[in-house]
Amino acid sequence: MASAKAPRNEASPVLPAEEGAQARVRRRVRPAAAKPTINAVAERAQVAISTVSRVLNGGAASEAMRERVERAIRELGYSPSVAAQSLVSRRTGCLGLAVNSTEGPWFSQVISGVEEAIAPSRYSLLLASMRLHNSYDPGAVAAWIQERRVDGLIFVRYSERQRAIFSAATRAGLPVVLIAPDADTHADYIARSDNVEAGWLVAEHLAKLGHRKIAFAGGPESSHDTQCRLRGLQQGLSEFGVDQGAREIWFGPSYYSDSGAAFAERFLQIPEGDRPTAVVLGSDLMALGFLGAMMRHSIHVPRDVSVVGFDGIPEGALLWPRLTTVVQSTRAMAASTCRALLDRLQNPAQTQLAVEQFPVELLARDSTAAPPRP
């Protein structure tokens, strides 16, 4: 019996009813609206294209100009293509934030300031800690530089041991900016606190309370901030009639609380009648470590000894006694530094270096009082 032949694979004829349905479908499909361009934004805002570009990338622009551009962007629904921008500009769209350590409340203020500045731009942030497992390791930052994974670098608390990685970045042509550097160097922008003024303010506060026996326990002796704060303290004490200045001067291995606790052990070895009536610590964390040791040994603060720190971290107000401290504009410094880097990327021909010194403020709380009576 012969098998049936397979039917040919021919298109089925379109019936009149089906033909009308397809035509209706075709009529419903409309071409997508053209995506708004940066030229359209500039025309709507009545500004130059370069101005729109600066606003998009977080560069310099007046508040009025920025508002006009952002309004035009909202009205047009403009959204720039980051990938296309990177291909044209040969940039990564990333900034690198290199820190010694991400531990501690001071760093949280830094990251808040950087986030505030970078948010309006189209840039992303890469973060690397160079102090891992209690050892120095700049490997991640070195990879950023070698592989051109970032368009610019922000160093936080730059120190001498980072000089090699800093030099590698500048040789690679990367703009570099610094937040509160702890060593002197040249960079595209440097933001730091007025640490001499900070020391002077502490001297004024303690001298007016009547203290004459004062100790200074700073961070590392090589630290730029420690030396400036000590210099301001000594100058202030001299001006306010404390001729001997700080009687006890000590330098710790770090600015962390364990250094403050280490100085507390030294303080306790001094005969009670000869002890300083006020101790100035190199940071709030050191001061908190010192305060904890005093509490464990039943020494009352501030009745027996007054305690002062530097930085103005929020934790200083959470314990009792609340810590007297010199407040830094940490968040403002970080935001200003990030904006300076964004401006530098927008204006590569700009070669002028800038150093900005931020004001400090003494915040007198409960950890300082008049010295005990003899």
Protein backbone atom coordinates (compact mmCIF):
# COMPACT_ATOMS: atom_id res chain seq x y z
CA MET A 1 0.00 0.00 0.00
CA ALA A 2 1.57 3.31 -1.02
CA SER A 3 2.38 5.77 1.79
CA ALA A 4 0.79 9.19 1.75
CA LYS A 5 3.02 12.04 0.58
CA ALA A 6 4.03 14.65 3.11
CA PRO A 7 2.26 17.94 2.51
CA ARG A 8 4.31 20.75 1.02
CA ASN A 9 5.52 23.45 3.41
CA GLU A 10 3.66 26.23 1.66
CA ALA A 11 2.32 29.39 3.26
CA SER A 12 -1.35 29.17 4.00
CA PRO A 13 -3.48 31.65 2.09
CA VAL A 14 -4.60 34.71 4.06
CA LEU A 15 -8.33 34.97 4.33
CA PRO A 16 -9.93 38.37 3.89
CA ALA A 17 -10.91 38.60 7.58
CA GLU A 18 -7.37 37.74 8.70
CA GLU A 19 -5.88 40.25 6.27
CA GLY A 20 -7.94 43.01 7.84
CA ALA A 21 -6.86 42.02 11.37
CA GLN A 22 -3.18 42.12 10.40
CA ALA A 23 -3.62 45.54 8.85
CA ARG A 24 -5.20 46.79 12.06
CA VAL A 25 -2.23 45.45 14.08
CA ARG A 26 0.19 47.15 11.72
CA ARG A 27 -1.65 50.42 12.06
CA ARG A 28 -1.41 50.25 15.88
CA VAL A 29 2.41 49.94 15.87
CA ARG A 30 3.99 53.36 15.90
CA PRO A 31 7.71 54.14 15.76
CA ALA A 32 9.25 54.90 19.16
CA ALA A 33 9.74 58.55 20.00
CA ALA A 34 13.28 59.82 19.53
CA LYS A 35 15.31 59.81 22.74
CA PRO A 36 16.08 63.36 23.93
CA THR A 37 19.70 64.42 23.46
CA ILE A 38 22.07 66.62 25.42
CA ASN A 39 21.61 69.24 22.68
CA ALA A 40 17.87 69.27 23.39
CA VAL A 41 18.53 69.75 27.11
CA ALA A 42 20.92 72.64 26.41
CA GLU A 43 18.36 74.25 24.08
CA ARG A 44 15.51 73.86 26.59
CA ALA A 45 17.64 75.28 29.46
CA GLN A 46 19.14 77.96 27.17
CA VAL A 47 22.69 77.10 28.20
CA ALA A 48 25.79 75.73 26.48
CA ILE A 49 26.20 71.98 26.02
CA SER A 50 29.35 72.17 28.18
CA THR A 51 27.23 73.56 31.04
CA VAL A 52 24.84 70.61 30.81
CA SER A 53 27.85 68.28 30.84
CA ARG A 54 29.25 69.94 33.99
CA VAL A 55 25.93 69.61 35.81
CA LEU A 56 25.59 65.95 34.81
CA ASN A 57 29.08 65.17 36.06
CA GLY A 58 28.87 67.13 39.31
CA GLY A 59 31.14 69.92 38.09
CA ALA A 60 31.10 73.62 38.95
CA ALA A 61 27.85 75.47 38.21
CA SER A 62 25.81 78.10 40.02
CA GLU A 63 22.69 76.97 41.86
CA ALA A 64 20.46 78.89 39.42
CA MET A 65 22.16 77.33 36.39
CA ARG A 66 22.06 73.86 37.92
CA GLU A 67 18.32 74.21 38.63
CA ARG A 68 17.61 75.29 35.00
CA VAL A 69 19.49 72.31 33.62
CA GLU A 70 17.90 69.83 36.04
CA ARG A 71 14.43 71.19 35.23
CA ALA A 72 15.06 70.72 31.50
CA ILE A 73 16.29 67.17 32.16
CA ARG A 74 13.11 66.35 34.09
CA GLU A 75 10.82 67.90 31.49
CA LEU A 76 12.48 66.08 28.58
CA GLY A 77 13.06 62.81 30.46
CA TYR A 78 16.71 62.92 29.42
CA SER A 79 18.97 60.09 30.60
CA PRO A 80 22.56 60.02 29.32
CA SER A 81 24.11 56.71 28.34
CA VAL A 82 26.99 56.03 30.73
CA ALA A 83 28.37 53.33 28.44
CA ALA A 84 28.37 55.66 25.45
CA GLN A 85 30.01 58.43 27.48
CA SER A 86 32.75 56.05 28.59
CA LEU A 87 33.45 54.92 25.03
CA VAL A 88 33.68 58.47 23.72
CA SER A 89 35.67 59.92 26.62
CA ARG A 90 37.78 56.80 27.27
CA ARG A 91 36.89 57.10 30.94
CA THR A 92 35.63 54.46 33.35
CA GLY A 93 32.99 56.52 35.14
CA CYS A 94 34.51 55.48 38.50
CA LEU A 95 36.36 57.33 41.26
CA GLY A 96 38.59 55.51 43.73
CA LEU A 97 38.47 56.17 47.48
CA ALA A 98 41.63 54.86 49.15
CA VAL A 99 41.63 54.74 52.97
CA ASN A 100 43.92 53.32 55.63
CA SER A 101 40.97 51.63 57.30
CA THR A 102 37.19 51.66 57.03
CA GLU A 103 36.90 51.14 60.80
CA GLY A 104 35.81 53.91 63.12
CA PRO A 105 33.15 56.62 63.19
CA TRP A 106 35.39 59.29 61.63
CA PHE A 107 35.43 57.32 58.37
CA SER A 108 31.61 57.16 58.29
CA GLN A 109 31.56 60.97 58.17
CA VAL A 110 34.06 60.89 55.30
CA ILE A 111 31.98 58.46 53.24
CA SER A 112 28.83 60.53 53.89
CA GLY A 113 30.53 63.63 52.50
CA VAL A 114 31.85 61.83 49.42
CA GLU A 115 28.41 60.32 48.74
CA GLU A 116 26.82 63.76 49.03
CA ALA A 117 29.16 65.16 46.37
CA ILE A 118 29.16 62.23 43.97
CA ALA A 119 25.38 61.61 43.99
CA PRO A 120 24.45 64.32 41.43
CA SER A 121 27.14 63.10 39.02
CA ARG A 122 27.18 60.03 36.77
CA TYR A 123 30.19 58.59 38.59
CA SER A 124 30.37 55.46 40.72
CA LEU A 125 32.69 54.96 43.70
CA LEU A 126 35.20 52.19 44.33
CA LEU A 127 36.46 51.73 47.90
CA ALA A 128 39.70 50.11 49.06
CA SER A 129 41.13 49.74 52.55
CA MET A 130 44.92 49.60 52.66
CA ARG A 131 45.05 48.23 56.21
CA LEU A 132 43.82 44.66 56.12
CA HIS A 133 44.48 42.07 58.84
CA ASN A 134 46.66 44.62 60.69
CA SER A 135 49.11 44.94 57.80
CA TYR A 136 49.56 47.50 55.05
CA ASP A 137 48.42 46.26 51.63
CA PRO A 138 47.89 48.77 48.78
CA GLY A 139 47.35 46.01 46.21
CA ALA A 140 43.76 46.94 45.34
CA VAL A 141 44.67 50.58 44.69
CA ALA A 142 47.71 49.54 42.65
CA ALA A 143 45.41 47.40 40.46
CA TRP A 144 43.08 50.35 39.90
CA ILE A 145 46.02 52.39 38.63
CA GLN A 146 47.64 49.71 36.49
CA GLU A 147 44.36 48.62 34.87
CA ARG A 148 42.96 52.17 34.52
CA ARG A 149 39.85 51.20 36.45
CA VAL A 150 39.33 54.69 37.92
CA ASP A 151 39.43 58.20 36.47
CA GLY A 152 40.76 59.80 39.66
CA LEU A 153 41.78 59.00 43.24
CA ILE A 154 40.80 60.33 46.66
CA PHE A 155 43.29 59.48 49.43
CA VAL A 156 42.00 59.70 53.00
CA ARG A 157 44.64 60.39 55.69
CA TYR A 158 47.49 60.10 53.18
CA SER A 159 50.77 59.21 54.95
CA GLU A 160 54.43 58.70 54.04
CA ARG A 161 54.06 54.96 53.49
CA GLN A 162 51.60 55.67 50.67
CA ARG A 163 54.12 57.80 48.76
CA ALA A 164 54.95 55.00 46.28
CA ILE A 165 51.31 54.34 45.35
CA PHE A 166 50.67 58.10 45.18
CA SER A 167 53.60 58.49 42.77
CA ALA A 168 52.30 55.62 40.62
CA ALA A 169 48.94 57.40 40.28
CA THR A 170 50.51 60.70 39.23
CA ARG A 171 52.81 58.95 36.73
CA ALA A 172 49.71 57.34 35.21
CA GLY A 173 48.20 60.80 34.75
CA LEU A 174 45.41 60.34 37.29
CA PRO A 175 44.22 63.40 39.18
CA VAL A 176 44.70 62.89 42.92
CA VAL A 177 43.04 64.75 45.80
CA LEU A 178 43.57 64.37 49.56
CA ILE A 179 41.29 64.46 52.60
CA ALA A 180 43.09 65.35 55.87
CA PRO A 181 46.56 64.17 54.76
CA ASP A 182 48.95 63.25 57.57
CA ALA A 183 52.06 64.08 55.54
CA ASP A 184 53.07 66.94 53.24
CA THR A 185 52.86 66.42 49.48
CA HIS A 186 51.53 68.10 46.33
CA ALA A 187 48.13 67.10 44.96
CA ASP A 188 45.41 68.58 42.77
CA TYR A 189 43.45 69.51 45.89
CA ILE A 190 44.06 69.15 49.64
CA ALA A 191 41.48 69.63 52.40
CA ARG A 192 42.59 69.69 56.03
CA SER A 193 41.52 71.09 59.38
CA ASP A 194 43.25 74.00 61.09
CA ASN A 195 44.99 71.77 63.63
CA VAL A 196 47.17 74.52 65.11
CA GLU A 197 44.00 76.46 65.91
CA ALA A 198 42.49 73.25 67.35
CA GLY A 199 45.37 72.91 69.83
CA TRP A 200 45.17 76.61 70.72
CA LEU A 201 41.43 76.36 71.49
CA VAL A 202 42.09 73.47 73.88
CA ALA A 203 44.81 75.49 75.61
CA GLU A 204 42.44 78.45 76.03
CA HIS A 205 39.68 76.24 77.47
CA LEU A 206 41.89 74.44 79.98
CA ALA A 207 43.82 77.55 81.06
CA LYS A 208 40.59 79.45 81.73
CA LEU A 209 39.37 76.55 83.86
CA GLY A 210 42.53 76.96 85.95
CA HIS A 211 44.62 73.95 84.81
CA ARG A 212 48.40 74.25 85.05
CA LYS A 213 49.47 70.60 84.98
CA ILE A 214 48.51 69.38 81.50
CA ALA A 215 49.51 66.24 79.57
CA PHE A 216 49.39 65.70 75.80
CA ALA A 217 48.99 62.15 74.46
CA GLY A 218 49.00 62.33 70.67
CA GLY A 219 48.90 59.93 67.78
CA PRO A 220 52.12 58.83 66.03
CA GLU A 221 55.01 61.25 66.49
CA SER A 222 55.45 61.46 62.70
CA SER A 223 51.81 62.53 62.26
CA HIS A 224 51.33 65.99 60.75
CA ASP A 225 48.08 66.48 62.68
CA THR A 226 49.61 65.48 66.02
CA GLN A 227 52.54 67.88 65.61
CA CYS A 228 50.26 70.76 64.59
CA ARG A 229 47.89 70.17 67.52
CA LEU A 230 50.80 69.99 69.96
CA ARG A 231 52.27 73.19 68.55
CA GLY A 232 48.95 75.02 68.90
CA LEU A 233 48.51 73.69 72.45
CA GLN A 234 51.97 74.85 73.51
CA GLN A 235 51.51 78.26 71.90
CA GLY A 236 48.15 78.73 73.58
CA LEU A 237 49.36 77.65 77.02
CA SER A 238 52.24 80.10 76.76
CA GLU A 239 49.88 82.93 75.79
CA PHE A 240 47.61 82.14 78.74
CA GLY A 241 50.41 82.11 81.29
CA VAL A 242 51.08 78.38 81.62
CA ASP A 243 54.82 78.83 81.17
CA GLN A 244 55.81 75.18 81.40
CA GLY A 245 53.32 74.19 78.72
CA ALA A 246 52.35 70.53 78.55
CA ARG A 247 54.38 68.80 81.27
CA GLU A 248 53.86 65.28 79.96
CA ILE A 249 54.14 64.59 76.22
CA TRP A 250 53.59 61.11 74.81
CA PHE A 251 53.03 59.70 71.32
CA GLY A 252 50.99 56.57 70.63
CA PRO A 253 51.27 54.06 67.80
CA SER A 254 47.84 55.00 66.38
CA TYR A 255 44.76 57.17 66.87
CA TYR A 256 42.65 54.24 68.07
CA SER A 257 41.22 53.62 71.54
CA ASP A 258 43.94 51.12 72.49
CA SER A 259 46.50 53.95 72.29
CA GLY A 260 44.40 55.98 74.74
CA ALA A 261 44.24 52.97 77.06
CA ALA A 262 48.02 52.56 76.78
CA PHE A 263 48.58 56.15 77.89
CA ALA A 264 46.18 55.55 80.79
CA GLU A 265 48.53 52.86 82.13
CA ARG A 266 51.39 55.37 82.01
CA PHE A 267 49.21 58.01 83.70
CA LEU A 268 48.35 55.63 86.56
CA GLN A 269 52.04 55.03 87.28
CA ILE A 270 52.55 58.73 88.11
CA PRO A 271 52.23 59.43 91.87
CA GLU A 272 48.76 60.76 92.59
CA GLY A 273 49.92 64.17 93.78
CA ASP A 274 52.06 64.69 90.66
CA ARG A 275 49.54 63.62 88.04
CA PRO A 276 48.36 66.10 85.39
CA THR A 277 44.97 67.57 86.16
CA ALA A 278 44.03 67.57 82.45
CA VAL A 279 44.89 65.19 79.61
CA VAL A 280 44.61 66.13 75.93
CA LEU A 281 44.30 63.06 73.71
CA GLY A 282 45.13 62.97 69.98
CA SER A 283 41.64 61.86 68.91
CA ASP A 284 38.21 61.18 70.34
CA LEU A 285 38.78 57.44 70.06
CA MET A 286 41.97 57.76 72.12
CA ALA A 287 40.07 59.88 74.65
CA LEU A 288 37.33 57.26 74.94
CA GLY A 289 39.95 54.57 75.53
CA PHE A 290 41.50 56.73 78.26
CA LEU A 291 38.09 57.41 79.85
CA GLY A 292 37.31 53.70 80.00
CA ALA A 293 40.57 53.01 81.82
CA MET A 294 39.87 55.79 84.33
CA MET A 295 36.45 54.31 85.08
CA ARG A 296 37.94 50.85 85.63
CA HIS A 297 40.36 52.31 88.19
CA SER A 298 37.67 54.39 89.96
CA ILE A 299 39.20 57.72 88.87
CA HIS A 300 36.42 60.26 88.39
CA VAL A 301 36.30 62.42 85.25
CA PRO A 302 36.28 65.42 85.48
CA ARG A 303 36.57 65.70 89.29
CA ASP A 304 40.01 64.01 89.39
CA VAL A 305 41.19 64.66 85.82
CA SER A 306 39.75 66.53 82.84
CA VAL A 307 39.84 64.89 79.41
CA VAL A 308 39.76 66.44 75.91
CA GLY A 309 39.74 64.82 72.46
CA PHE A 310 39.81 65.88 68.81
CA ASP A 311 37.47 65.09 65.87
CA GLY A 312 33.91 65.53 67.17
CA ILE A 313 32.68 62.00 66.46
CA PRO A 314 29.02 61.36 67.47
CA GLU A 315 30.03 58.66 69.98
CA GLY A 316 31.62 61.32 72.18
CA ALA A 317 28.14 62.56 73.13
CA LEU A 318 26.69 59.12 73.86
CA LEU A 319 28.76 58.18 76.93
CA TRP A 320 28.98 59.78 80.36
CA PRO A 321 30.72 62.04 80.92
CA ARG A 322 30.12 63.47 77.46
CA LEU A 323 33.46 64.22 75.86
CA THR A 324 34.83 67.73 75.43
CA THR A 325 36.29 67.82 71.92
CA VAL A 326 37.42 69.93 68.99
CA VAL A 327 34.98 69.38 66.14
CA GLN A 328 36.33 69.00 62.61
CA SER A 329 34.25 69.72 59.50
CA THR A 330 34.89 66.16 58.34
CA ARG A 331 31.85 65.72 56.12
CA ALA A 332 32.32 69.15 54.53
CA MET A 333 36.00 68.40 53.87
CA ALA A 334 35.14 65.11 52.19
CA ALA A 335 32.39 66.63 50.03
CA SER A 336 34.61 69.54 48.98
CA THR A 337 37.45 67.18 48.05
CA CYS A 338 35.19 64.99 45.92
CA ARG A 339 33.75 68.03 44.13
CA ALA A 340 37.27 69.28 43.45
CA LEU A 341 38.11 65.96 41.79
CA LEU A 342 34.95 66.09 39.66
CA ASP A 343 35.83 69.66 38.61
CA ARG A 344 39.35 68.55 37.72
CA LEU A 345 37.96 65.78 35.50
CA GLN A 346 35.72 68.33 33.77
CA ASN A 347 38.66 70.70 33.26
CA PRO A 348 41.76 68.55 32.54
CA ALA A 349 43.81 71.58 31.50
CA GLN A 350 43.47 73.08 34.98
CA THR A 351 46.86 72.82 36.66
CA GLN A 352 46.47 75.12 39.67
CA LEU A 353 46.90 73.25 42.95
CA ALA A 354 44.65 74.18 45.86
CA VAL A 355 44.93 73.72 49.63
CA GLU A 356 41.84 74.52 51.68
CA GLN A 357 41.94 74.75 55.45
CA PHE A 358 38.65 74.16 57.25
CA PRO A 359 37.73 75.83 60.56
CA VAL A 360 37.41 73.93 63.83
CA GLU A 361 35.27 74.51 66.91
CA LEU A 362 35.75 73.60 70.56
CA LEU A 363 32.71 71.82 72.03
CA ALA A 364 32.89 71.99 75.84
CA ARG A 365 31.00 69.14 77.50
CA ASP A 366 31.11 67.26 80.80
CA SER A 367 34.59 65.71 80.69
CA THR A 368 36.33 69.00 81.60
CA ALA A 369 36.02 71.12 84.74
CA ALA A 370 38.19 73.13 87.12
CA PRO A 371 41.17 71.17 88.53
CA PRO A 372 40.84 69.47 91.93
CA ARG A 373 41.87 71.56 94.91
CA PRO A 374 45.22 70.64 96.49
